[in-house]
Amino acid sequence: MATTALAKGTDFPMGSGTEERLWRYLQYPYYLGLFAQKVVHAEGISDHVKEKLCHAVLQINMHLDQGQEPGPGLFQLSAWLGRHALLSHDDYLGLRKGLIWLPRLTDSYAEPTRQILPACDGIFRDLQIHREQAIELVLMILTAKEAIGDQGREIFDHLMELAVLNKSLKREVCQIVVQNAIPFPRGEYQHPLETSASEQDRLSIRFLPGSVRRRAVVWLARLGKDPLELLKRLLKPNTVRGYGGDQVASGALDLLDERWELIADELRLSLLRKAADLPDTAVRKRAYILGEKYLGIDFLRQALDDKAKSLREWAEERLARRERGELPSEEQLQAELDQEFDEEDSDE
């Protein structure tokens, strides 16, 4: 089984001396993690053996040297331990260190949500970690793009719905994401555990997915923050800048969409116009689409005078389609609003 696990997708050489070479390879966290992923799903192996192997793969991460790769399957192995109520505090520390040292620019550590979500359930339910450590771990999971891929929004929504995390903690996570749309290691965020400068840089929330920043605005309102105060502040020019500022403003538009029927006509039109005047082309484009959804093509026509040539051309083409009778459904407009737009257009 170990040979099969290592032979697929690694540089493990087959041939004479395989058994001796196998045990040398299994001393490295990466290869041990590959082996453990096979073992936890195998029949005929006792839970005791699986438990020991899961603990070993997670906890060995506490002793990683800089540049040394952790074992893959961080969430899968945590989920197995969680299902069997076997997670320990050392497993949390190992998971934390493993997330820190995930190698960049690779998808070999990516795991599906069916493994990530149960891991989150177990970690925050079973481990006696302090509030500050729980907040940090939520942020770390969401910034671990090599492990979560493009599943950030689904994972974030799941974490915000976890009963074991109280409303105050969730609100603080959202506040950090929304109010500190800049890297947090440089004085904006105090890590609860000793963290080196190189580790801090890898934990920066500048790596948060844009979809998470957007959802954090919506969740702040759901968790008790005044939605009108949020909208007025986040759609005010030059209020949110730096890393992720455009996504936070897009999140404000998501909130405006969610609360549309509860806001007075004059105020929601004023908020839309403010959004359409922000410096980010992606935000302005989203504002025009939201305006079309609720106010029709009259609001869309304002894009013909946008300061970005690309948006003016986009509006001309869009209006031409409307004049030909190509009218989108509300579902199609909503699908557009849910998209992530590239901030690549230059103003002309």
Protein backbone atom coordinates (compact mmCIF):
# COMPACT_ATOMS: atom_id res chain seq x y z
CA MET A 1 0.00 0.00 0.00
CA ALA A 2 2.79 2.41 0.88
CA THR A 3 4.55 1.67 -2.41
CA THR A 4 1.34 2.34 -4.35
CA ALA A 5 0.77 5.63 -2.51
CA LEU A 6 4.26 6.89 -3.29
CA ALA A 7 4.51 5.56 -6.84
CA LYS A 8 1.60 7.72 -8.04
CA GLY A 9 2.48 11.36 -8.51
CA THR A 10 5.90 11.33 -6.83
CA ASP A 11 9.50 10.66 -7.83
CA PHE A 12 9.62 7.37 -5.89
CA PRO A 13 11.77 4.97 -7.96
CA MET A 14 10.54 1.41 -8.37
CA GLY A 15 12.86 -1.56 -8.85
CA SER A 16 15.42 -3.39 -6.76
CA GLY A 17 15.81 -2.23 -3.16
CA THR A 18 12.26 -0.85 -3.08
CA GLU A 19 11.51 -1.91 0.51
CA GLU A 20 14.61 -0.28 1.99
CA ARG A 21 14.06 2.85 -0.08
CA LEU A 22 10.40 2.96 0.98
CA TRP A 23 11.24 3.30 4.67
CA ARG A 24 13.71 6.09 3.90
CA TYR A 25 11.04 7.98 1.98
CA LEU A 26 8.46 7.58 4.74
CA GLN A 27 10.71 9.55 7.08
CA TYR A 28 9.77 12.67 5.09
CA PRO A 29 6.46 14.35 6.06
CA TYR A 30 5.26 14.67 2.47
CA TYR A 31 5.54 10.97 1.67
CA LEU A 32 4.21 9.96 5.08
CA GLY A 33 1.12 12.10 4.40
CA LEU A 34 0.51 10.40 1.05
CA PHE A 35 0.70 7.03 2.79
CA ALA A 36 -1.64 8.12 5.60
CA GLN A 37 -4.31 9.22 3.11
CA LYS A 38 -4.40 5.68 1.72
CA VAL A 39 -4.43 4.07 5.15
CA VAL A 40 -7.43 5.95 6.61
CA HIS A 41 -9.63 4.68 3.76
CA ALA A 42 -8.29 1.12 3.76
CA GLU A 43 -10.26 -1.81 5.11
CA GLY A 44 -8.69 -4.32 7.45
CA ILE A 45 -6.52 -1.78 9.29
CA SER A 46 -7.42 -1.06 12.91
CA ASP A 47 -8.59 2.37 14.02
CA HIS A 48 -5.72 2.38 16.50
CA VAL A 49 -3.16 2.24 13.67
CA LYS A 50 -5.03 4.88 11.68
CA GLU A 51 -5.17 7.14 14.72
CA LYS A 52 -1.42 6.88 15.36
CA LEU A 53 -0.63 7.62 11.73
CA CYS A 54 -2.96 10.65 11.58
CA HIS A 55 -1.42 12.08 14.76
CA ALA A 56 2.08 11.50 13.37
CA VAL A 57 1.42 13.28 10.05
CA LEU A 58 -0.16 16.31 11.73
CA GLN A 59 2.17 16.63 14.70
CA ILE A 60 5.41 16.20 12.77
CA ASN A 61 4.59 19.57 11.20
CA MET A 62 5.51 21.25 14.49
CA HIS A 63 9.13 20.33 13.75
CA LEU A 64 9.28 21.41 10.11
CA ASP A 65 12.27 23.44 9.04
CA GLN A 66 11.66 26.45 6.82
CA GLY A 67 11.15 25.24 3.27
CA GLN A 68 10.31 21.67 4.30
CA GLU A 69 6.96 20.52 2.94
CA PRO A 70 4.23 19.24 5.28
CA GLY A 71 2.36 16.05 4.56
CA PRO A 72 -0.72 16.39 2.32
CA GLY A 73 -4.22 15.56 3.55
CA LEU A 74 -4.18 18.00 6.48
CA PHE A 75 -7.97 18.34 6.47
CA GLN A 76 -8.69 14.73 5.54
CA LEU A 77 -6.67 13.39 8.47
CA SER A 78 -8.10 16.02 10.85
CA ALA A 79 -11.60 15.05 9.71
CA TRP A 80 -10.93 11.36 10.44
CA LEU A 81 -9.68 12.17 13.93
CA GLY A 82 -12.63 14.50 14.49
CA ARG A 83 -15.18 11.86 13.47
CA HIS A 84 -13.69 9.53 16.06
CA ALA A 85 -13.37 12.26 18.75
CA LEU A 86 -9.58 11.79 18.80
CA LEU A 87 -8.30 15.27 17.93
CA SER A 88 -5.74 16.63 20.38
CA HIS A 89 -4.30 20.07 21.01
CA ASP A 90 -1.05 18.94 19.40
CA ASP A 91 -3.03 18.08 16.27
CA TYR A 92 -4.26 21.68 16.19
CA LEU A 93 -0.68 22.95 16.53
CA GLY A 94 0.45 20.61 13.75
CA LEU A 95 -2.40 21.66 11.47
CA ARG A 96 -1.56 25.31 12.11
CA LYS A 97 2.12 24.81 11.25
CA GLY A 98 1.24 22.70 8.23
CA LEU A 99 -1.00 25.46 6.86
CA ILE A 100 1.80 27.98 7.36
CA TRP A 101 4.28 25.98 5.30
CA LEU A 102 2.06 24.81 2.47
CA PRO A 103 4.21 25.19 -0.66
CA ARG A 104 3.07 27.99 -2.95
CA LEU A 105 1.87 27.69 -6.53
CA THR A 106 0.83 24.05 -6.40
CA ASP A 107 -2.47 22.20 -6.32
CA SER A 108 -1.06 18.94 -4.96
CA TYR A 109 -2.41 19.81 -1.49
CA ALA A 110 -5.93 20.73 -2.62
CA GLU A 111 -8.73 18.92 -0.79
CA PRO A 112 -12.49 18.80 -1.52
CA THR A 113 -15.04 20.43 0.77
CA ARG A 114 -16.36 17.00 1.78
CA GLN A 115 -13.10 16.63 3.71
CA ILE A 116 -12.53 20.26 4.71
CA LEU A 117 -15.96 20.91 6.27
CA PRO A 118 -15.92 17.88 8.62
CA ALA A 119 -12.38 18.83 9.63
CA CYS A 120 -13.59 22.30 10.59
CA ASP A 121 -16.45 20.78 12.58
CA GLY A 122 -14.07 18.59 14.56
CA ILE A 123 -11.32 21.16 15.09
CA PHE A 124 -13.57 23.82 16.56
CA ARG A 125 -15.79 21.39 18.48
CA ASP A 126 -13.23 19.08 20.04
CA LEU A 127 -10.14 21.18 20.68
CA GLN A 128 -9.71 23.37 23.72
CA ILE A 129 -8.25 26.35 21.90
CA HIS A 130 -8.57 29.93 23.05
CA ARG A 131 -10.80 32.44 21.32
CA GLU A 132 -7.83 34.22 19.73
CA GLN A 133 -6.45 30.93 18.44
CA ALA A 134 -9.84 30.03 16.94
CA ILE A 135 -10.01 33.39 15.16
CA GLU A 136 -6.51 32.94 13.79
CA LEU A 137 -7.26 29.39 12.64
CA VAL A 138 -10.39 30.51 10.76
CA LEU A 139 -8.30 33.12 8.93
CA MET A 140 -5.52 30.62 8.27
CA ILE A 141 -7.88 28.05 6.77
CA LEU A 142 -9.36 30.69 4.48
CA THR A 143 -5.95 31.93 3.33
CA ALA A 144 -4.66 28.39 2.62
CA LYS A 145 -5.55 28.59 -1.07
CA GLU A 146 -3.22 25.69 -1.90
CA ALA A 147 -5.46 23.45 0.25
CA ILE A 148 -8.93 24.96 -0.30
CA GLY A 149 -8.65 26.03 -3.95
CA ASP A 150 -11.66 28.10 -5.04
CA GLN A 151 -13.92 26.79 -2.26
CA GLY A 152 -13.40 29.78 0.05
CA ARG A 153 -16.96 31.08 -0.08
CA GLU A 154 -18.53 27.70 0.74
CA ILE A 155 -16.07 27.10 3.58
CA PHE A 156 -16.57 30.61 4.98
CA ASP A 157 -20.37 30.24 4.94
CA HIS A 158 -20.00 26.89 6.74
CA LEU A 159 -17.77 28.41 9.42
CA MET A 160 -20.18 31.31 9.93
CA GLU A 161 -22.99 28.79 10.48
CA LEU A 162 -21.06 26.60 12.96
CA ALA A 163 -22.91 26.56 16.27
CA VAL A 164 -19.70 25.91 18.22
CA LEU A 165 -18.35 29.33 17.18
CA ASN A 166 -20.23 32.06 19.00
CA LYS A 167 -21.66 35.14 17.31
CA SER A 168 -19.11 37.49 18.86
CA LEU A 169 -16.18 35.46 17.52
CA LYS A 170 -17.69 35.27 14.04
CA ARG A 171 -18.29 39.02 14.07
CA GLU A 172 -14.67 39.66 15.00
CA VAL A 173 -13.45 37.48 12.13
CA CYS A 174 -15.62 39.46 9.72
CA GLN A 175 -14.41 42.76 11.20
CA ILE A 176 -10.78 41.75 10.61
CA VAL A 177 -11.52 40.79 7.01
CA VAL A 178 -13.57 43.88 6.21
CA GLN A 179 -11.84 46.61 8.19
CA ASN A 180 -8.27 45.44 7.64
CA ALA A 181 -8.20 45.04 3.88
CA ILE A 182 -4.42 45.19 4.12
CA PRO A 183 -1.81 42.65 5.29
CA PHE A 184 -2.34 41.98 9.00
CA PRO A 185 1.16 40.87 10.10
CA ARG A 186 2.50 44.42 10.06
CA GLY A 187 0.89 45.59 13.27
CA GLU A 188 -2.78 45.18 12.32
CA TYR A 189 -3.16 41.69 13.80
CA GLN A 190 -1.62 40.19 16.94
CA HIS A 191 -0.98 36.46 16.58
CA PRO A 192 -1.93 34.46 19.69
CA LEU A 193 1.11 32.16 19.34
CA GLU A 194 4.75 33.00 18.74
CA THR A 195 5.15 33.52 15.01
CA SER A 196 8.31 34.37 13.08
CA ALA A 197 8.43 37.16 10.50
CA SER A 198 8.55 34.68 7.61
CA GLU A 199 5.57 32.78 9.05
CA GLN A 200 3.63 36.01 9.55
CA ASP A 201 4.10 36.96 5.92
CA ARG A 202 2.62 33.63 4.83
CA LEU A 203 -0.38 34.19 7.12
CA SER A 204 -1.29 37.58 5.67
CA ILE A 205 -4.97 38.11 4.89
CA ARG A 206 -3.91 39.63 1.61
CA PHE A 207 -4.18 35.99 0.47
CA LEU A 208 -7.87 35.78 1.39
CA PRO A 209 -10.12 34.88 -1.56
CA GLY A 210 -12.12 37.81 -2.89
CA SER A 211 -15.32 35.82 -2.40
CA VAL A 212 -14.59 35.64 1.34
CA ARG A 213 -14.10 39.40 1.62
CA ARG A 214 -17.43 39.90 -0.12
CA ARG A 215 -19.25 37.42 2.11
CA ALA A 216 -17.74 38.94 5.26
CA VAL A 217 -19.67 42.17 4.60
CA VAL A 218 -22.95 40.28 4.23
CA TRP A 219 -22.26 38.20 7.33
CA LEU A 220 -21.43 41.26 9.40
CA ALA A 221 -24.97 42.47 8.82
CA ARG A 222 -26.44 39.03 9.49
CA LEU A 223 -24.51 38.92 12.77
CA GLY A 224 -26.02 42.16 14.03
CA LYS A 225 -24.04 45.02 12.47
CA ASP A 226 -26.27 47.85 11.21
CA PRO A 227 -26.56 47.20 7.44
CA LEU A 228 -27.22 50.84 6.56
CA GLU A 229 -24.17 51.99 8.50
CA LEU A 230 -22.09 49.37 6.69
CA LEU A 231 -23.40 50.39 3.28
CA LYS A 232 -22.84 54.08 3.83
CA ARG A 233 -19.31 53.54 5.12
CA LEU A 234 -18.10 50.94 2.65
CA LEU A 235 -19.51 52.66 -0.43
CA LYS A 236 -18.03 56.00 0.54
CA PRO A 237 -15.16 56.95 -1.84
CA ASN A 238 -11.65 56.21 -0.53
CA THR A 239 -12.95 54.48 2.61
CA VAL A 240 -11.74 50.98 1.73
CA ARG A 241 -8.46 50.80 -0.15
CA GLY A 242 -5.41 48.58 -0.14
CA TYR A 243 -5.48 44.83 -0.60
CA GLY A 244 -9.02 43.64 -1.27
CA GLY A 245 -10.68 47.04 -1.11
CA ASP A 246 -12.57 46.43 -4.34
CA GLN A 247 -13.88 43.09 -3.04
CA VAL A 248 -15.07 44.68 0.19
CA ALA A 249 -16.95 47.30 -1.84
CA SER A 250 -18.40 44.49 -3.97
CA GLY A 251 -19.50 42.85 -0.73
CA ALA A 252 -21.35 46.04 0.14
CA LEU A 253 -23.21 45.73 -3.18
CA ASP A 254 -24.04 42.11 -2.29
CA LEU A 255 -25.48 43.41 0.98
CA LEU A 256 -27.45 46.11 -0.86
CA ASP A 257 -28.86 43.38 -3.12
CA GLU A 258 -29.83 41.23 -0.11
CA ARG A 259 -31.50 44.14 1.74
CA TRP A 260 -32.92 45.95 -1.31
CA GLU A 261 -36.59 45.64 -0.38
CA LEU A 262 -35.91 46.89 3.17
CA ILE A 263 -34.22 50.15 2.12
CA ALA A 264 -36.03 53.33 1.08
CA ASP A 265 -36.06 54.09 -2.67
CA GLU A 266 -34.11 57.33 -2.42
CA LEU A 267 -31.40 55.86 -0.18
CA ARG A 268 -30.79 52.74 -2.26
CA LEU A 269 -30.53 54.83 -5.44
CA SER A 270 -28.03 57.10 -3.68
CA LEU A 271 -25.97 54.08 -2.60
CA LEU A 272 -26.00 52.66 -6.12
CA ARG A 273 -24.78 55.95 -7.55
CA LYS A 274 -21.96 56.10 -5.00
CA ALA A 275 -20.88 52.60 -5.99
CA ALA A 276 -20.95 53.57 -9.67
CA ASP A 277 -18.54 56.40 -8.86
CA LEU A 278 -15.92 54.37 -6.98
CA PRO A 279 -12.43 54.09 -8.54
CA ASP A 280 -12.56 50.30 -9.08
CA THR A 281 -13.89 49.30 -12.50
CA ALA A 282 -15.02 45.89 -11.20
CA VAL A 283 -17.15 47.58 -8.53
CA ARG A 284 -18.66 50.07 -10.98
CA LYS A 285 -19.53 47.25 -13.39
CA ARG A 286 -21.23 45.35 -10.58
CA ALA A 287 -23.18 48.49 -9.63
CA TYR A 288 -24.47 48.90 -13.20
CA ILE A 289 -25.61 45.26 -13.30
CA LEU A 290 -27.32 45.59 -9.90
CA GLY A 291 -29.00 48.78 -11.11
CA GLU A 292 -30.24 47.00 -14.23
CA LYS A 293 -31.62 44.17 -12.09
CA TYR A 294 -33.85 46.48 -10.06
CA LEU A 295 -34.19 49.70 -12.09
CA GLY A 296 -33.93 48.49 -15.68
CA ILE A 297 -31.85 49.84 -18.56
CA ASP A 298 -32.29 53.47 -17.50
CA PHE A 299 -29.66 52.98 -14.80
CA LEU A 300 -27.49 50.93 -17.15
CA ARG A 301 -27.34 53.87 -19.57
CA GLN A 302 -25.23 55.75 -17.01
CA ALA A 303 -22.38 53.40 -17.91
CA LEU A 304 -22.18 55.06 -21.34
CA ASP A 305 -20.49 57.99 -19.56
CA ASP A 306 -18.19 55.87 -17.39
CA LYS A 307 -14.59 57.03 -17.17
CA ALA A 308 -13.27 53.62 -18.32
CA LYS A 309 -13.37 53.04 -22.07
CA SER A 310 -13.82 49.32 -21.53
CA LEU A 311 -16.96 49.87 -19.46
CA ARG A 312 -18.37 52.33 -21.99
CA GLU A 313 -17.90 49.76 -24.74
CA TRP A 314 -19.38 47.05 -22.51
CA ALA A 315 -22.46 49.23 -21.88
CA GLU A 316 -22.91 49.99 -25.59
CA GLU A 317 -22.87 46.31 -26.49
CA ARG A 318 -25.16 45.41 -23.59
CA LEU A 319 -27.71 48.11 -24.46
CA ALA A 320 -27.65 47.04 -28.11
CA ARG A 321 -28.61 43.53 -27.05
CA ARG A 322 -31.45 44.90 -24.94
CA GLU A 323 -32.76 46.90 -27.91
CA ARG A 324 -32.76 43.69 -29.98
CA GLY A 325 -35.03 42.16 -27.36
CA GLU A 326 -32.37 40.06 -25.61
CA LEU A 327 -33.63 40.61 -22.08
CA PRO A 328 -31.94 38.65 -19.27
CA SER A 329 -33.88 36.84 -16.59
CA GLU A 330 -33.45 37.79 -12.95
CA GLU A 331 -31.52 34.55 -12.46
CA GLN A 332 -29.09 35.46 -15.26
CA LEU A 333 -28.48 38.89 -13.75
CA GLN A 334 -27.92 37.32 -10.34
CA ALA A 335 -25.42 34.87 -11.84
CA GLU A 336 -23.52 37.85 -13.27
CA LEU A 337 -23.52 39.57 -9.89
CA ASP A 338 -22.10 36.46 -8.25
CA GLN A 339 -19.11 36.40 -10.63
CA GLU A 340 -15.66 37.73 -9.78
CA PHE A 341 -14.65 40.49 -12.20
CA ASP A 342 -11.03 41.14 -13.09
CA GLU A 343 -9.67 44.55 -12.17
CA GLU A 344 -7.83 44.86 -15.47
CA ASP A 345 -9.55 47.73 -17.20
CA SER A 346 -7.76 51.06 -17.32
CA ASP A 347 -9.57 54.37 -17.12
CA GLU A 348 -9.34 56.49 -20.24
